[in-house]
């Protein structure tokens, strides 16, 4: 049996009126839609970066310049894909740090090992000579 209040509305109508904005907020927090223009712009940037990556081979660049350009284009493309298509740009900052920091630390450790490898090579050359 519905109760009638002083303003003529039942308790159910009052509760529904108070709960409606909260459910709309929860719905908008859960379900996000991004404009199609964003995806088209990212697709265009991915196409441009891929073209630049292929142009490195087309122009015949060699050595460190070739590999550094290819790695830069690869990292930029991966960053765009992770940020937009995997929705990392809209995640909380703590989650972004949890995903992005480990690969950066791995790169730091690889760099440290490269310098350590040179030290080990020079130490072996100093004690054992250039080899047979």
C-alpha atoms as a PDB file:
ATOM      1  CA  UNK A   1       0.000   0.000   0.000  1.00  0.00           C
ATOM      2  CA  UNK A   2       1.470   3.316  -1.047  1.00  0.00           C
ATOM      3  CA  UNK A   3       1.729   6.109   1.460  1.00  0.00           C
ATOM      4  CA  UNK A   4       0.739   9.626   0.532  1.00  0.00           C
ATOM      5  CA  UNK A   5       2.826  12.497   1.859  1.00  0.00           C
ATOM      6  CA  UNK A   6       1.913  16.127   2.459  1.00  0.00           C
ATOM      7  CA  UNK A   7       2.745  17.183  -1.101  1.00  0.00           C
ATOM      8  CA  UNK A   8       0.642  14.424  -2.599  1.00  0.00           C
ATOM      9  CA  UNK A   9       3.462  12.175  -3.745  1.00  0.00           C
ATOM     10  CA  UNK A  10       3.937   8.697  -2.409  1.00  0.00           C
ATOM     11  CA  UNK A  11       7.102   7.554  -0.616  1.00  0.00           C
ATOM     12  CA  UNK A  12       8.078   5.509  -3.650  1.00  0.00           C
ATOM     13  CA  UNK A  13       7.992   8.570  -5.914  1.00  0.00           C
ATOM     14  CA  UNK A  14      10.117  10.539  -3.456  1.00  0.00           C
ATOM     15  CA  UNK A  15      12.711   7.772  -3.204  1.00  0.00           C
ATOM     16  CA  UNK A  16      12.784   7.419  -6.974  1.00  0.00           C
ATOM     17  CA  UNK A  17      13.307  11.149  -7.377  1.00  0.00           C
ATOM     18  CA  UNK A  18      16.244  11.114  -4.934  1.00  0.00           C
ATOM     19  CA  UNK A  19      17.863   8.034  -6.401  1.00  0.00           C
ATOM     20  CA  UNK A  20      17.613   9.028 -10.059  1.00  0.00           C
ATOM     21  CA  UNK A  21      20.534  11.527 -10.142  1.00  0.00           C
ATOM     22  CA  UNK A  22      22.812   9.075  -8.356  1.00  0.00           C
ATOM     23  CA  UNK A  23      22.111   6.338 -10.867  1.00  0.00           C
ATOM     24  CA  UNK A  24      22.712   8.743 -13.758  1.00  0.00           C
ATOM     25  CA  UNK A  25      26.079   9.723 -12.282  1.00  0.00           C
ATOM     26  CA  UNK A  26      27.036   6.094 -11.778  1.00  0.00           C
ATOM     27  CA  UNK A  27      25.998   5.301 -15.330  1.00  0.00           C
ATOM     28  CA  UNK A  28      28.079   8.131 -16.758  1.00  0.00           C
ATOM     29  CA  UNK A  29      31.099   7.120 -14.660  1.00  0.00           C
ATOM     30  CA  UNK A  30      30.940   3.549 -15.887  1.00  0.00           C
ATOM     31  CA  UNK A  31      29.991   4.105 -19.504  1.00  0.00           C
ATOM     32  CA  UNK A  32      32.166   6.601 -21.372  1.00  0.00           C
ATOM     33  CA  UNK A  33      31.878   7.241 -25.045  1.00  0.00           C
ATOM     34  CA  UNK A  34      34.575   9.075 -26.912  1.00  0.00           C
ATOM     35  CA  UNK A  35      33.987  10.965 -30.129  1.00  0.00           C
ATOM     36  CA  UNK A  36      34.827   9.162 -33.331  1.00  0.00           C
ATOM     37  CA  UNK A  37      37.029  12.136 -34.299  1.00  0.00           C
ATOM     38  CA  UNK A  38      39.522  11.156 -31.582  1.00  0.00           C
ATOM     39  CA  UNK A  39      39.899   7.658 -33.008  1.00  0.00           C
ATOM     40  CA  UNK A  40      40.270   8.985 -36.547  1.00  0.00           C
ATOM     41  CA  UNK A  41      42.976  11.453 -35.454  1.00  0.00           C
ATOM     42  CA  UNK A  42      44.854   8.684 -33.640  1.00  0.00           C
ATOM     43  CA  UNK A  43      44.497   6.430 -36.671  1.00  0.00           C
ATOM     44  CA  UNK A  44      45.933   9.199 -38.863  1.00  0.00           C
ATOM     45  CA  UNK A  45      48.891   9.662 -36.483  1.00  0.00           C
ATOM     46  CA  UNK A  46      49.531   5.917 -36.495  1.00  0.00           C
ATOM     47  CA  UNK A  47      49.505   5.965 -40.295  1.00  0.00           C
ATOM     48  CA  UNK A  48      51.931   8.914 -40.380  1.00  0.00           C
ATOM     49  CA  UNK A  49      54.291   7.294 -37.854  1.00  0.00           C
ATOM     50  CA  UNK A  50      54.224   3.996 -39.749  1.00  0.00           C
ATOM     51  CA  UNK A  51      55.010   5.831 -42.969  1.00  0.00           C
ATOM     52  CA  UNK A  52      57.948   7.573 -41.291  1.00  0.00           C
ATOM     53  CA  UNK A  53      59.175   4.218 -40.010  1.00  0.00           C
ATOM     54  CA  UNK A  54      59.105   2.761 -43.521  1.00  0.00           C
ATOM     55  CA  UNK A  55      60.771   5.866 -44.938  1.00  0.00           C
ATOM     56  CA  UNK A  56      63.773   5.208 -42.694  1.00  0.00           C
ATOM     57  CA  UNK A  57      64.419   2.039 -44.706  1.00  0.00           C
ATOM     58  CA  UNK A  58      63.436   3.682 -47.996  1.00  0.00           C
ATOM     59  CA  UNK A  59      66.079   6.394 -47.627  1.00  0.00           C
ATOM     60  CA  UNK A  60      68.669   3.805 -46.585  1.00  0.00           C
ATOM     61  CA  UNK A  61      69.673   5.204 -43.230  1.00  0.00           C
ATOM     62  CA  UNK A  62      72.191   3.071 -41.359  1.00  0.00           C
ATOM     63  CA  UNK A  63      73.691   2.705 -37.924  1.00  0.00           C
ATOM     64  CA  UNK A  64      72.499   4.316 -34.734  1.00  0.00           C
ATOM     65  CA  UNK A  65      70.390   6.902 -36.576  1.00  0.00           C
ATOM     66  CA  UNK A  66      68.336   4.149 -38.261  1.00  0.00           C
ATOM     67  CA  UNK A  67      67.719   2.170 -35.089  1.00  0.00           C
ATOM     68  CA  UNK A  68      67.041   5.197 -32.929  1.00  0.00           C
ATOM     69  CA  UNK A  69      64.470   6.538 -35.414  1.00  0.00           C
ATOM     70  CA  UNK A  70      62.767   3.144 -35.694  1.00  0.00           C
ATOM     71  CA  UNK A  71      62.637   2.804 -31.896  1.00  0.00           C
ATOM     72  CA  UNK A  72      61.294   6.344 -31.449  1.00  0.00           C
ATOM     73  CA  UNK A  73      58.527   5.752 -34.011  1.00  0.00           C
ATOM     74  CA  UNK A  74      57.742   2.375 -32.427  1.00  0.00           C
ATOM     75  CA  UNK A  75      57.478   3.860 -28.911  1.00  0.00           C
ATOM     76  CA  UNK A  76      55.268   6.702 -30.145  1.00  0.00           C
ATOM     77  CA  UNK A  77      52.931   4.261 -31.901  1.00  0.00           C
ATOM     78  CA  UNK A  78      52.770   1.996 -28.857  1.00  0.00           C
ATOM     79  CA  UNK A  79      52.067   4.989 -26.622  1.00  0.00           C
ATOM     80  CA  UNK A  80      49.180   6.123 -28.822  1.00  0.00           C
ATOM     81  CA  UNK A  81      47.683   2.641 -28.914  1.00  0.00           C
ATOM     82  CA  UNK A  82      47.978   2.154 -25.163  1.00  0.00           C
ATOM     83  CA  UNK A  83      46.677   5.648 -24.351  1.00  0.00           C
ATOM     84  CA  UNK A  84      43.647   5.754 -26.631  1.00  0.00           C
ATOM     85  CA  UNK A  85      42.672   2.273 -27.800  1.00  0.00           C
ATOM     86  CA  UNK A  86      43.458   0.602 -24.470  1.00  0.00           C
ATOM     87  CA  UNK A  87      41.893   3.571 -22.571  1.00  0.00           C
ATOM     88  CA  UNK A  88      44.984   4.261 -20.439  1.00  0.00           C
ATOM     89  CA  UNK A  89      44.490   8.026 -20.859  1.00  0.00           C
ATOM     90  CA  UNK A  90      41.233   7.845 -18.917  1.00  0.00           C
ATOM     91  CA  UNK A  91      42.462   5.582 -16.123  1.00  0.00           C
ATOM     92  CA  UNK A  92      43.519   6.725 -12.701  1.00  0.00           C
ATOM     93  CA  UNK A  93      47.081   7.973 -12.409  1.00  0.00           C
ATOM     94  CA  UNK A  94      48.052   5.201  -9.985  1.00  0.00           C
ATOM     95  CA  UNK A  95      47.033   2.526 -12.483  1.00  0.00           C
ATOM     96  CA  UNK A  96      48.901   4.310 -15.247  1.00  0.00           C
ATOM     97  CA  UNK A  97      52.026   4.379 -13.075  1.00  0.00           C
ATOM     98  CA  UNK A  98      51.575   0.701 -12.216  1.00  0.00           C
ATOM     99  CA  UNK A  99      51.601  -0.187 -15.914  1.00  0.00           C
ATOM    100  CA  UNK A 100      54.092   2.323 -17.309  1.00  0.00           C
ATOM    101  CA  UNK A 101      56.781   2.351 -14.605  1.00  0.00           C
ATOM    102  CA  UNK A 102      57.920  -1.323 -14.851  1.00  0.00           C
ATOM    103  CA  UNK A 103      58.939  -1.091 -18.551  1.00  0.00           C
ATOM    104  CA  UNK A 104      60.777   2.160 -17.823  1.00  0.00           C
ATOM    105  CA  UNK A 105      62.645   0.512 -14.951  1.00  0.00           C
ATOM    106  CA  UNK A 106      63.514  -2.443 -17.200  1.00  0.00           C
ATOM    107  CA  UNK A 107      65.011   0.015 -19.719  1.00  0.00           C
ATOM    108  CA  UNK A 108      67.041   1.641 -16.938  1.00  0.00           C
ATOM    109  CA  UNK A 109      68.365  -1.755 -15.828  1.00  0.00           C
ATOM    110  CA  UNK A 110      69.199  -2.743 -19.417  1.00  0.00           C
ATOM    111  CA  UNK A 111      71.140   0.515 -19.796  1.00  0.00           C
ATOM    112  CA  UNK A 112      73.022  -0.234 -16.581  1.00  0.00           C
ATOM    113  CA  UNK A 113      73.857  -3.734 -17.862  1.00  0.00           C
ATOM    114  CA  UNK A 114      75.162  -2.293 -21.141  1.00  0.00           C
ATOM    115  CA  UNK A 115      77.602  -0.087 -19.242  1.00  0.00           C
ATOM    116  CA  UNK A 116      78.531  -3.023 -16.992  1.00  0.00           C
ATOM    117  CA  UNK A 117      79.164  -5.191 -20.057  1.00  0.00           C
ATOM    118  CA  UNK A 118      81.665  -2.651 -21.387  1.00  0.00           C
ATOM    119  CA  UNK A 119      83.423  -2.599 -18.003  1.00  0.00           C
ATOM    120  CA  UNK A 120      83.589  -6.415 -17.963  1.00  0.00           C
ATOM    121  CA  UNK A 121      84.924  -6.529 -21.545  1.00  0.00           C
ATOM    122  CA  UNK A 122      87.629  -3.948 -20.823  1.00  0.00           C
ATOM    123  CA  UNK A 123      88.619  -5.800 -17.618  1.00  0.00           C
ATOM    124  CA  UNK A 124      88.978  -9.083 -19.530  1.00  0.00           C
ATOM    125  CA  UNK A 125      91.005  -7.379 -22.236  1.00  0.00           C
ATOM    126  CA  UNK A 126      93.293  -5.840 -19.593  1.00  0.00           C
ATOM    127  CA  UNK A 127      93.973  -9.144 -17.828  1.00  0.00           C
ATOM    128  CA  UNK A 128      93.761 -11.747 -20.603  1.00  0.00           C
ATOM    129  CA  UNK A 129      94.746  -9.784 -23.702  1.00  0.00           C
ATOM    130  CA  UNK A 130      92.960  -9.428 -27.018  1.00  0.00           C
ATOM    131  CA  UNK A 131      92.521 -13.188 -27.486  1.00  0.00           C
ATOM    132  CA  UNK A 132      93.814 -15.772 -29.932  1.00  0.00           C
END
